[in-house]
Amino acid sequence: MGTSCMRVSRIAIPSVCASRMALPLLRTIAYIALCIENSPKGKGLLEDLRDIAATDPEFIQFGSAEWFWDRQVNSYALQVEPERYMDKDQVTIDYWEALRVQDVRDSFFSELRNLLRRKG
């Protein structure tokens, strides 16, 4: 298994008054892209990654876009983004949804770290 790229976004949400919480926030997706070997261990990893995505399918997607696969066979992406924006790199969302996405993202990367510890 090789990692082709990893990009993590952070949302800096300062303490603001309630009226500012209504302002939309521009957010860049958090994702990890992997090239996974076609082997029993690789297939096991695919199942583990699908399990992570299943923990919150409204915000975590797993798969491989056709253009992605065309560039690198056996490549997959696991990303955190509201499902309705799963094909966008950046989205504008409200403050409360940004907080929800941030919580999901933190949990997502925690699950990835736990998976790496178990597989390590």
Foldseek 3Di string as FASTA:
>chain_A
DDWPDFDADDDDDDDDDPVCQFFWDKDFKGKTKDQFDPDPVSVVVVVLLVVLCVVDVQFWDKDADPVRCVVPPRMMMIIGGGPVCVVDRMDIGGNVVVVVSNVSSVVSVVSVVVVVVVVD
